[in-house]
Amino acid sequence: MLSESQKYQALIRERLSQAWYPPSSATEEMTARLQITLLPTGELAGVKLVASSGNTAFDNSALGAVKSLSRYPVPSERDTFETYFRQFTIEFNPRRLR
């Protein structure tokens, strides 16, 4: 059974994968790592590219997906939010989003 934090992590990955449209130039080897900062309401406070894929269009598509979500699913339990969701890193890759 998934923990509370794992459930919300899976929901966030699912929402981002639905919002993400990698460019046609994307290859399966490309990965962009982004650091996401959220408010307790689930609103995006900031996003930063921490590791580039080496392809500007790919990186911008990942940043665009993160910015396109108006609200992220986050737990109402404050300690869980602060520990796992206040700031986290996610990797964008055409084969998987984790």
PDB file of N, CA and C in Angstrom:
ATOM      1  N   MET A   1       0.844  -1.194   0.000  1.00  0.00           N
ATOM      2  CA  MET A   1       0.000   0.000   0.000  1.00  0.00           C
ATOM      3  C   MET A   1       0.885   1.251   0.000  1.00  0.00           C
ATOM      4  N   LEU A   2       0.454   2.247  -0.737  1.00  0.00           N
ATOM      5  CA  LEU A   2       1.229   3.480  -0.848  1.00  0.00           C
ATOM      6  C   LEU A   2       1.047   4.353   0.384  1.00  0.00           C
ATOM      7  N   SER A   3       2.128   5.010   0.775  1.00  0.00           N
ATOM      8  CA  SER A   3       2.043   5.969   1.871  1.00  0.00           C
ATOM      9  C   SER A   3       1.341   7.224   1.362  1.00  0.00           C
ATOM     10  N   GLU A   4       0.980   8.097   2.296  1.00  0.00           N
ATOM     11  CA  GLU A   4       0.322   9.355   1.938  1.00  0.00           C
ATOM     12  C   GLU A   4       1.186  10.155   0.963  1.00  0.00           C
ATOM     13  N   SER A   5       2.479  10.263   1.255  1.00  0.00           N
ATOM     14  CA  SER A   5       3.358  11.047   0.387  1.00  0.00           C
ATOM     15  C   SER A   5       3.499  10.391  -0.985  1.00  0.00           C
ATOM     16  N   GLN A   6       3.559   9.068  -1.047  1.00  0.00           N
ATOM     17  CA  GLN A   6       3.677   8.370  -2.333  1.00  0.00           C
ATOM     18  C   GLN A   6       2.429   8.582  -3.193  1.00  0.00           C
ATOM     19  N   LYS A   7       1.258   8.622  -2.565  1.00  0.00           N
ATOM     20  CA  LYS A   7       0.017   8.861  -3.307  1.00  0.00           C
ATOM     21  C   LYS A   7       0.051  10.231  -3.982  1.00  0.00           C
ATOM     22  N   TYR A   8       0.480  11.239  -3.228  1.00  0.00           N
ATOM     23  CA  TYR A   8       0.527  12.591  -3.788  1.00  0.00           C
ATOM     24  C   TYR A   8       1.650  12.728  -4.819  1.00  0.00           C
ATOM     25  N   GLN A   9       2.766  12.060  -4.597  1.00  0.00           N
ATOM     26  CA  GLN A   9       3.846  12.085  -5.591  1.00  0.00           C
ATOM     27  C   GLN A   9       3.359  11.483  -6.908  1.00  0.00           C
ATOM     28  N   ALA A  10       2.624  10.381  -6.832  1.00  0.00           N
ATOM     29  CA  ALA A  10       2.086   9.744  -8.042  1.00  0.00           C
ATOM     30  C   ALA A  10       1.081  10.664  -8.738  1.00  0.00           C
ATOM     31  N   LEU A  11       0.240  11.341  -7.959  1.00  0.00           N
ATOM     32  CA  LEU A  11      -0.730  12.277  -8.544  1.00  0.00           C
ATOM     33  C   LEU A  11      -0.022  13.422  -9.265  1.00  0.00           C
ATOM     34  N   ILE A  12       1.015  13.955  -8.649  1.00  0.00           N
ATOM     35  CA  ILE A  12       1.767  15.053  -9.266  1.00  0.00           C
ATOM     36  C   ILE A  12       2.424  14.586 -10.554  1.00  0.00           C
ATOM     37  N   ARG A  13       3.058  13.406 -10.538  1.00  0.00           N
ATOM     38  CA  ARG A  13       3.675  12.867 -11.759  1.00  0.00           C
ATOM     39  C   ARG A  13       2.642  12.680 -12.861  1.00  0.00           C
ATOM     40  N   GLU A  14       1.471  12.173 -12.494  1.00  0.00           N
ATOM     41  CA  GLU A  14       0.411  11.954 -13.486  1.00  0.00           C
ATOM     42  C   GLU A  14      -0.050  13.280 -14.098  1.00  0.00           C
ATOM     43  N   ARG A  15      -0.269  14.291 -13.266  1.00  0.00           N
ATOM     44  CA  ARG A  15      -0.713  15.596 -13.778  1.00  0.00           C
ATOM     45  C   ARG A  15       0.343  16.224 -14.682  1.00  0.00           C
ATOM     46  N   LEU A  16       1.601  16.112 -14.279  1.00  0.00           N
ATOM     47  CA  LEU A  16       2.676  16.689 -15.092  1.00  0.00           C
ATOM     48  C   LEU A  16       2.822  15.945 -16.415  1.00  0.00           C
ATOM     49  N   SER A  17       2.685  14.625 -16.384  1.00  0.00           N
ATOM     50  CA  SER A  17       2.828  13.874 -17.639  1.00  0.00           C
ATOM     51  C   SER A  17       1.691  14.205 -18.605  1.00  0.00           C
ATOM     52  N   GLN A  18       0.506  14.534 -18.081  1.00  0.00           N
ATOM     53  CA  GLN A  18      -0.616  14.941 -18.935  1.00  0.00           C
ATOM     54  C   GLN A  18      -0.403  16.339 -19.514  1.00  0.00           C
ATOM     55  N   ALA A  19       0.323  17.177 -18.785  1.00  0.00           N
ATOM     56  CA  ALA A  19       0.529  18.568 -19.206  1.00  0.00           C
ATOM     57  C   ALA A  19       1.770  18.738 -20.081  1.00  0.00           C
ATOM     58  N   TRP A  20       2.601  17.708 -20.146  1.00  0.00           N
ATOM     59  CA  TRP A  20       3.901  17.830 -20.820  1.00  0.00           C
ATOM     60  C   TRP A  20       3.844  17.367 -22.264  1.00  0.00           C
ATOM     61  N   TYR A  21       4.326  18.219 -23.145  1.00  0.00           N
ATOM     62  CA  TYR A  21       4.410  17.903 -24.565  1.00  0.00           C
ATOM     63  C   TYR A  21       5.862  18.073 -25.002  1.00  0.00           C
ATOM     64  N   PRO A  22       6.658  16.986 -24.939  1.00  0.00           N
ATOM     65  CA  PRO A  22       8.064  17.095 -25.345  1.00  0.00           C
ATOM     66  C   PRO A  22       8.168  17.479 -26.822  1.00  0.00           C
ATOM     67  N   PRO A  23       9.201  18.212 -27.181  1.00  0.00           N
ATOM     68  CA  PRO A  23       9.366  18.602 -28.589  1.00  0.00           C
ATOM     69  C   PRO A  23       9.681  17.389 -29.454  1.00  0.00           C
ATOM     70  N   SER A  24       9.458  17.524 -30.742  1.00  0.00           N
ATOM     71  CA  SER A  24       9.722  16.413 -31.666  1.00  0.00           C
ATOM     72  C   SER A  24      11.196  16.043 -31.700  1.00  0.00           C
ATOM     73  N   SER A  25      12.056  16.966 -31.282  1.00  0.00           N
ATOM     74  CA  SER A  25      13.499  16.700 -31.263  1.00  0.00           C
ATOM     75  C   SER A  25      13.933  15.874 -30.047  1.00  0.00           C
ATOM     76  N   ALA A  26      13.011  15.601 -29.130  1.00  0.00           N
ATOM     77  CA  ALA A  26      13.353  14.863 -27.909  1.00  0.00           C
ATOM     78  C   ALA A  26      13.773  13.432 -28.217  1.00  0.00           C
ATOM     79  N   THR A  27      14.788  12.969 -27.514  1.00  0.00           N
ATOM     80  CA  THR A  27      15.204  11.573 -27.607  1.00  0.00           C
ATOM     81  C   THR A  27      15.003  10.923 -26.244  1.00  0.00           C
ATOM     82  N   GLU A  28      14.988   9.597 -26.236  1.00  0.00           N
ATOM     83  CA  GLU A  28      14.757   8.877 -24.986  1.00  0.00           C
ATOM     84  C   GLU A  28      15.875   9.075 -23.973  1.00  0.00           C
ATOM     85  N   GLU A  29      17.033   9.539 -24.423  1.00  0.00           N
ATOM     86  CA  GLU A  29      18.159   9.726 -23.513  1.00  0.00           C
ATOM     87  C   GLU A  29      18.113  11.074 -22.796  1.00  0.00           C
ATOM     88  N   MET A  30      17.287  11.993 -23.276  1.00  0.00           N
ATOM     89  CA  MET A  30      17.235  13.332 -22.681  1.00  0.00           C
ATOM     90  C   MET A  30      16.528  13.303 -21.331  1.00  0.00           C
ATOM     91  N   THR A  31      17.106  14.037 -20.385  1.00  0.00           N
ATOM     92  CA  THR A  31      16.492  14.191 -19.072  1.00  0.00           C
ATOM     93  C   THR A  31      16.749  15.603 -18.578  1.00  0.00           C
ATOM     94  N   ALA A  32      15.703  16.241 -18.131  1.00  0.00           N
ATOM     95  CA  ALA A  32      15.818  17.561 -17.496  1.00  0.00           C
ATOM     96  C   ALA A  32      15.368  17.403 -16.048  1.00  0.00           C
ATOM     97  N   ARG A  33      16.138  17.931 -15.126  1.00  0.00           N
ATOM     98  CA  ARG A  33      15.783  17.848 -13.705  1.00  0.00           C
ATOM     99  C   ARG A  33      15.359  19.240 -13.236  1.00  0.00           C
ATOM    100  N   LEU A  34      14.156  19.308 -12.655  1.00  0.00           N
ATOM    101  CA  LEU A  34      13.613  20.575 -12.191  1.00  0.00           C
ATOM    102  C   LEU A  34      13.364  20.531 -10.691  1.00  0.00           C
ATOM    103  N   GLN A  35      13.618  21.657 -10.041  1.00  0.00           N
ATOM    104  CA  GLN A  35      13.299  21.807  -8.623  1.00  0.00           C
ATOM    105  C   GLN A  35      12.027  22.637  -8.536  1.00  0.00           C
ATOM    106  N   ILE A  36      11.022  22.083  -7.876  1.00  0.00           N
ATOM    107  CA  ILE A  36       9.714  22.716  -7.765  1.00  0.00           C
ATOM    108  C   ILE A  36       9.486  23.134  -6.320  1.00  0.00           C
ATOM    109  N   THR A  37       9.012  24.357  -6.132  1.00  0.00           N
ATOM    110  CA  THR A  37       8.671  24.857  -4.804  1.00  0.00           C
ATOM    111  C   THR A  37       7.189  25.195  -4.794  1.00  0.00           C
ATOM    112  N   LEU A  38       6.481  24.637  -3.812  1.00  0.00           N
ATOM    113  CA  LEU A  38       5.031  24.830  -3.718  1.00  0.00           C
ATOM    114  C   LEU A  38       4.645  25.556  -2.435  1.00  0.00           C
ATOM    115  N   LEU A  39       3.493  26.198  -2.483  1.00  0.00           N
ATOM    116  CA  LEU A  39       2.874  26.775  -1.297  1.00  0.00           C
ATOM    117  C   LEU A  39       1.968  25.719  -0.674  1.00  0.00           C
ATOM    118  N   PRO A  40       1.624  25.852   0.603  1.00  0.00           N
ATOM    119  CA  PRO A  40       0.736  24.866   1.247  1.00  0.00           C
ATOM    120  C   PRO A  40      -0.618  24.715   0.555  1.00  0.00           C
ATOM    121  N   THR A  41      -1.018  25.709  -0.235  1.00  0.00           N
ATOM    122  CA  THR A  41      -2.282  25.640  -0.981  1.00  0.00           C
ATOM    123  C   THR A  41      -2.164  24.781  -2.240  1.00  0.00           C
ATOM    124  N   GLY A  42      -0.921  24.380  -2.595  1.00  0.00           N
ATOM    125  CA  GLY A  42      -0.694  23.624  -3.816  1.00  0.00           C
ATOM    126  C   GLY A  42      -0.322  24.505  -4.993  1.00  0.00           C
ATOM    127  N   GLU A  43      -0.273  25.818  -4.764  1.00  0.00           N
ATOM    128  CA  GLU A  43       0.114  26.731  -5.841  1.00  0.00           C
ATOM    129  C   GLU A  43       1.629  26.711  -6.024  1.00  0.00           C
ATOM    130  N   LEU A  44       2.042  26.924  -7.258  1.00  0.00           N
ATOM    131  CA  LEU A  44       3.457  26.943  -7.594  1.00  0.00           C
ATOM    132  C   LEU A  44       4.097  28.225  -7.078  1.00  0.00           C
ATOM    133  N   ALA A  45       5.146  28.086  -6.265  1.00  0.00           N
ATOM    134  CA  ALA A  45       5.885  29.253  -5.770  1.00  0.00           C
ATOM    135  C   ALA A  45       7.090  29.517  -6.657  1.00  0.00           C
ATOM    136  N   GLY A  46       7.632  28.451  -7.271  1.00  0.00           N
ATOM    137  CA  GLY A  46       8.782  28.635  -8.143  1.00  0.00           C
ATOM    138  C   GLY A  46       9.227  27.326  -8.765  1.00  0.00           C
ATOM    139  N   VAL A  47       9.939  27.444  -9.869  1.00  0.00           N
ATOM    140  CA  VAL A  47      10.514  26.281 -10.537  1.00  0.00           C
ATOM    141  C   VAL A  47      11.866  26.689 -11.088  1.00  0.00           C
ATOM    142  N   LYS A  48      12.820  25.776 -10.982  1.00  0.00           N
ATOM    143  CA  LYS A  48      14.181  26.066 -11.420  1.00  0.00           C
ATOM    144  C   LYS A  48      14.753  24.835 -12.116  1.00  0.00           C
ATOM    145  N   LEU A  49      15.397  25.072 -13.240  1.00  0.00           N
ATOM    146  CA  LEU A  49      16.084  24.004 -13.961  1.00  0.00           C
ATOM    147  C   LEU A  49      17.404  23.739 -13.228  1.00  0.00           C
ATOM    148  N   VAL A  50      17.562  22.536 -12.667  1.00  0.00           N
ATOM    149  CA  VAL A  50      18.790  22.227 -11.931  1.00  0.00           C
ATOM    150  C   VAL A  50      19.749  21.353 -12.735  1.00  0.00           C
ATOM    151  N   ALA A  51      19.245  20.671 -13.760  1.00  0.00           N
ATOM    152  CA  ALA A  51      20.103  19.889 -14.654  1.00  0.00           C
ATOM    153  C   ALA A  51      19.466  19.889 -16.041  1.00  0.00           C
ATOM    154  N   SER A  52      20.145  20.505 -16.984  1.00  0.00           N
ATOM    155  CA  SER A  52      19.632  20.627 -18.342  1.00  0.00           C
ATOM    156  C   SER A  52      19.772  19.317 -19.106  1.00  0.00           C
ATOM    157  N   SER A  53      18.863  19.144 -20.058  1.00  0.00           N
ATOM    158  CA  SER A  53      18.937  17.985 -20.956  1.00  0.00           C
ATOM    159  C   SER A  53      19.967  18.221 -22.057  1.00  0.00           C
ATOM    160  N   GLY A  54      20.373  19.485 -22.206  1.00  0.00           N
ATOM    161  CA  GLY A  54      21.262  19.855 -23.301  1.00  0.00           C
ATOM    162  C   GLY A  54      20.497  20.339 -24.526  1.00  0.00           C
ATOM    163  N   ASN A  55      19.164  20.338 -24.422  1.00  0.00           N
ATOM    164  CA  ASN A  55      18.299  20.759 -25.519  1.00  0.00           C
ATOM    165  C   ASN A  55      17.344  21.823 -24.974  1.00  0.00           C
ATOM    166  N   THR A  56      17.475  23.046 -25.444  1.00  0.00           N
ATOM    167  CA  THR A  56      16.682  24.158 -24.921  1.00  0.00           C
ATOM    168  C   THR A  56      15.182  23.926 -25.075  1.00  0.00           C
ATOM    169  N   ALA A  57      14.756  23.419 -26.217  1.00  0.00           N
ATOM    170  CA  ALA A  57      13.323  23.182 -26.443  1.00  0.00           C
ATOM    171  C   ALA A  57      12.786  22.145 -25.458  1.00  0.00           C
ATOM    172  N   PHE A  58      13.573  21.116 -25.202  1.00  0.00           N
ATOM    173  CA  PHE A  58      13.175  20.066 -24.256  1.00  0.00           C
ATOM    174  C   PHE A  58      13.047  20.661 -22.855  1.00  0.00           C
ATOM    175  N   ASP A  59      14.072  21.404 -22.432  1.00  0.00           N
ATOM    176  CA  ASP A  59      14.050  22.019 -21.098  1.00  0.00           C
ATOM    177  C   ASP A  59      12.855  22.955 -20.960  1.00  0.00           C
ATOM    178  N   ASN A  60      12.607  23.767 -21.986  1.00  0.00           N
ATOM    179  CA  ASN A  60      11.485  24.710 -21.940  1.00  0.00           C
ATOM    180  C   ASN A  60      10.135  23.996 -21.901  1.00  0.00           C
ATOM    181  N   SER A  61      10.040  22.839 -22.566  1.00  0.00           N
ATOM    182  CA  SER A  61       8.772  22.095 -22.530  1.00  0.00           C
ATOM    183  C   SER A  61       8.512  21.561 -21.120  1.00  0.00           C
ATOM    184  N   ALA A  62       9.558  21.135 -20.434  1.00  0.00           N
ATOM    185  CA  ALA A  62       9.410  20.649 -19.052  1.00  0.00           C
ATOM    186  C   ALA A  62       9.022  21.806 -18.127  1.00  0.00           C
ATOM    187  N   LEU A  63       9.700  22.936 -18.276  1.00  0.00           N
ATOM    188  CA  LEU A  63       9.367  24.115 -17.470  1.00  0.00           C
ATOM    189  C   LEU A  63       7.928  24.560 -17.734  1.00  0.00           C
ATOM    190  N   GLY A  64       7.521  24.515 -18.999  1.00  0.00           N
ATOM    191  CA  GLY A  64       6.155  24.901 -19.362  1.00  0.00           C
ATOM    192  C   GLY A  64       5.114  23.997 -18.724  1.00  0.00           C
ATOM    193  N   ALA A  65       5.393  22.701 -18.667  1.00  0.00           N
ATOM    194  CA  ALA A  65       4.456  21.761 -18.043  1.00  0.00           C
ATOM    195  C   ALA A  65       4.277  22.084 -16.567  1.00  0.00           C
ATOM    196  N   VAL A  66       5.387  22.352 -15.881  1.00  0.00           N
ATOM    197  CA  VAL A  66       5.323  22.678 -14.456  1.00  0.00           C
ATOM    198  C   VAL A  66       4.523  23.959 -14.233  1.00  0.00           C
ATOM    199  N   LYS A  67       4.768  24.966 -15.060  1.00  0.00           N
ATOM    200  CA  LYS A  67       4.090  26.252 -14.907  1.00  0.00           C
ATOM    201  C   LYS A  67       2.616  26.206 -15.322  1.00  0.00           C
ATOM    202  N   SER A  68       2.250  25.220 -16.137  1.00  0.00           N
ATOM    203  CA  SER A  68       0.876  25.157 -16.646  1.00  0.00           C
ATOM    204  C   SER A  68      -0.134  24.665 -15.610  1.00  0.00           C
ATOM    205  N   LEU A  69       0.326  23.982 -14.586  1.00  0.00           N
ATOM    206  CA  LEU A  69      -0.612  23.496 -13.572  1.00  0.00           C
ATOM    207  C   LEU A  69      -0.927  24.626 -12.596  1.00  0.00           C
ATOM    208  N   SER A  70      -2.203  24.957 -12.474  1.00  0.00           N
ATOM    209  CA  SER A  70      -2.578  26.066 -11.596  1.00  0.00           C
ATOM    210  C   SER A  70      -2.502  25.673 -10.129  1.00  0.00           C
ATOM    211  N   ARG A  71      -2.752  24.395  -9.852  1.00  0.00           N
ATOM    212  CA  ARG A  71      -2.689  23.928  -8.475  1.00  0.00           C
ATOM    213  C   ARG A  71      -2.224  22.473  -8.468  1.00  0.00           C
ATOM    214  N   TYR A  72      -1.314  22.166  -7.569  1.00  0.00           N
ATOM    215  CA  TYR A  72      -0.787  20.812  -7.424  1.00  0.00           C
ATOM    216  C   TYR A  72      -1.520  20.094  -6.308  1.00  0.00           C
ATOM    217  N   PRO A  73      -1.737  18.787  -6.465  1.00  0.00           N
ATOM    218  CA  PRO A  73      -2.361  18.035  -5.379  1.00  0.00           C
ATOM    219  C   PRO A  73      -1.337  17.857  -4.249  1.00  0.00           C
ATOM    220  N   VAL A  74      -1.653  18.372  -3.082  1.00  0.00           N
ATOM    221  CA  VAL A  74      -0.759  18.254  -1.929  1.00  0.00           C
ATOM    222  C   VAL A  74      -1.558  17.812  -0.712  1.00  0.00           C
ATOM    223  N   PRO A  75      -0.903  17.120   0.205  1.00  0.00           N
ATOM    224  CA  PRO A  75      -1.606  16.669   1.410  1.00  0.00           C
ATOM    225  C   PRO A  75      -1.957  17.846   2.313  1.00  0.00           C
ATOM    226  N   SER A  76      -3.062  17.729   3.018  1.00  0.00           N
ATOM    227  CA  SER A  76      -3.458  18.783   3.951  1.00  0.00           C
ATOM    228  C   SER A  76      -2.648  18.708   5.242  1.00  0.00           C
ATOM    229  N   GLU A  77      -2.071  17.553   5.520  1.00  0.00           N
ATOM    230  CA  GLU A  77      -1.255  17.366   6.725  1.00  0.00           C
ATOM    231  C   GLU A  77       0.035  18.174   6.567  1.00  0.00           C
ATOM    232  N   ARG A  78       0.208  19.170   7.417  1.00  0.00           N
ATOM    233  CA  ARG A  78       1.297  20.143   7.259  1.00  0.00           C
ATOM    234  C   ARG A  78       2.693  19.515   7.306  1.00  0.00           C
ATOM    235  N   ASP A  79       2.929  18.589   8.245  1.00  0.00           N
ATOM    236  CA  ASP A  79       4.258  17.976   8.350  1.00  0.00           C
ATOM    237  C   ASP A  79       4.626  17.207   7.087  1.00  0.00           C
ATOM    238  N   THR A  80       3.662  16.477   6.535  1.00  0.00           N
ATOM    239  CA  THR A  80       3.909  15.729   5.298  1.00  0.00           C
ATOM    240  C   THR A  80       4.210  16.697   4.165  1.00  0.00           C
ATOM    241  N   PHE A  81       3.448  17.788   4.087  1.00  0.00           N
ATOM    242  CA  PHE A  81       3.689  18.782   3.050  1.00  0.00           C
ATOM    243  C   PHE A  81       5.096  19.365   3.181  1.00  0.00           C
ATOM    244  N   GLU A  82       5.461  19.800   4.370  1.00  0.00           N
ATOM    245  CA  GLU A  82       6.768  20.440   4.582  1.00  0.00           C
ATOM    246  C   GLU A  82       7.914  19.474   4.279  1.00  0.00           C
ATOM    247  N   THR A  83       7.755  18.213   4.643  1.00  0.00           N
ATOM    248  CA  THR A  83       8.814  17.220   4.441  1.00  0.00           C
ATOM    249  C   THR A  83       8.995  16.843   2.980  1.00  0.00           C
ATOM    250  N   TYR A  84       7.891  16.645   2.251  1.00  0.00           N
ATOM    251  CA  TYR A  84       7.975  16.082   0.902  1.00  0.00           C
ATOM    252  C   TYR A  84       7.590  17.024  -0.241  1.00  0.00           C
ATOM    253  N   PHE A  85       6.805  18.053   0.036  1.00  0.00           N
ATOM    254  CA  PHE A  85       6.219  18.806  -1.076  1.00  0.00           C
ATOM    255  C   PHE A  85       6.521  20.299  -1.089  1.00  0.00           C
ATOM    256  N   ARG A  86       7.078  20.839  -0.038  1.00  0.00           N
ATOM    257  CA  ARG A  86       7.433  22.265  -0.046  1.00  0.00           C
ATOM    258  C   ARG A  86       8.423  22.511  -1.185  1.00  0.00           C
ATOM    259  N   GLN A  87       9.429  21.627  -1.271  1.00  0.00           N
ATOM    260  CA  GLN A  87      10.405  21.723  -2.356  1.00  0.00           C
ATOM    261  C   GLN A  87      10.851  20.311  -2.709  1.00  0.00           C
ATOM    262  N   PHE A  88      10.809  19.989  -3.984  1.00  0.00           N
ATOM    263  CA  PHE A  88      11.219  18.664  -4.436  1.00  0.00           C
ATOM    264  C   PHE A  88      11.758  18.752  -5.853  1.00  0.00           C
ATOM    265  N   THR A  89      12.457  17.703  -6.242  1.00  0.00           N
ATOM    266  CA  THR A  89      13.053  17.631  -7.573  1.00  0.00           C
ATOM    267  C   THR A  89      12.354  16.538  -8.363  1.00  0.00           C
ATOM    268  N   ILE A  90      12.130  16.803  -9.637  1.00  0.00           N
ATOM    269  CA  ILE A  90      11.497  15.817 -10.515  1.00  0.00           C
ATOM    270  C   ILE A  90      12.253  15.788 -11.836  1.00  0.00           C
ATOM    271  N   GLU A  91      12.335  14.603 -12.424  1.00  0.00           N
ATOM    272  CA  GLU A  91      13.030  14.436 -13.698  1.00  0.00           C
ATOM    273  C   GLU A  91      12.019  14.242 -14.818  1.00  0.00           C
ATOM    274  N   PHE A  92      12.258  14.963 -15.904  1.00  0.00           N
ATOM    275  CA  PHE A  92      11.448  14.813 -17.115  1.00  0.00           C
ATOM    276  C   PHE A  92      12.277  14.015 -18.113  1.00  0.00           C
ATOM    277  N   ASN A  93      11.717  12.901 -18.561  1.00  0.00           N
ATOM    278  CA  ASN A  93      12.349  12.034 -19.543  1.00  0.00           C
ATOM    279  C   ASN A  93      11.234  11.463 -20.398  1.00  0.00           C
ATOM    280  N   PRO A  94      11.408  11.380 -21.725  1.00  0.00           N
ATOM    281  CA  PRO A  94      10.325  10.882 -22.590  1.00  0.00           C
ATOM    282  C   PRO A  94       9.832   9.481 -22.236  1.00  0.00           C
ATOM    283  N   ARG A  95      10.708   8.632 -21.691  1.00  0.00           N
ATOM    284  CA  ARG A  95      10.287   7.272 -21.338  1.00  0.00           C
ATOM    285  C   ARG A  95       9.558   7.213 -20.009  1.00  0.00           C
ATOM    286  N   ARG A  96       9.896   8.135 -19.118  1.00  0.00           N
ATOM    287  CA  ARG A  96       9.293   8.106 -17.798  1.00  0.00           C
ATOM    288  C   ARG A  96       9.326   9.513 -17.205  1.00  0.00           C
ATOM    289  N   LEU A  97       8.440   9.748 -16.302  1.00  0.00           N
ATOM    290  CA  LEU A  97       8.410  11.006 -15.578  1.00  0.00           C
ATOM    291  C   LEU A  97       8.442  10.613 -14.114  1.00  0.00           C
ATOM    292  N   ARG A  98       9.507  10.992 -13.399  1.00  0.00           N
ATOM    293  CA  ARG A  98       9.584  10.579 -11.991  1.00  0.00           C
ATOM    294  C   ARG A  98      10.039  11.687 -11.092  1.00  0.00           C
TER     295      ARG A  98
END
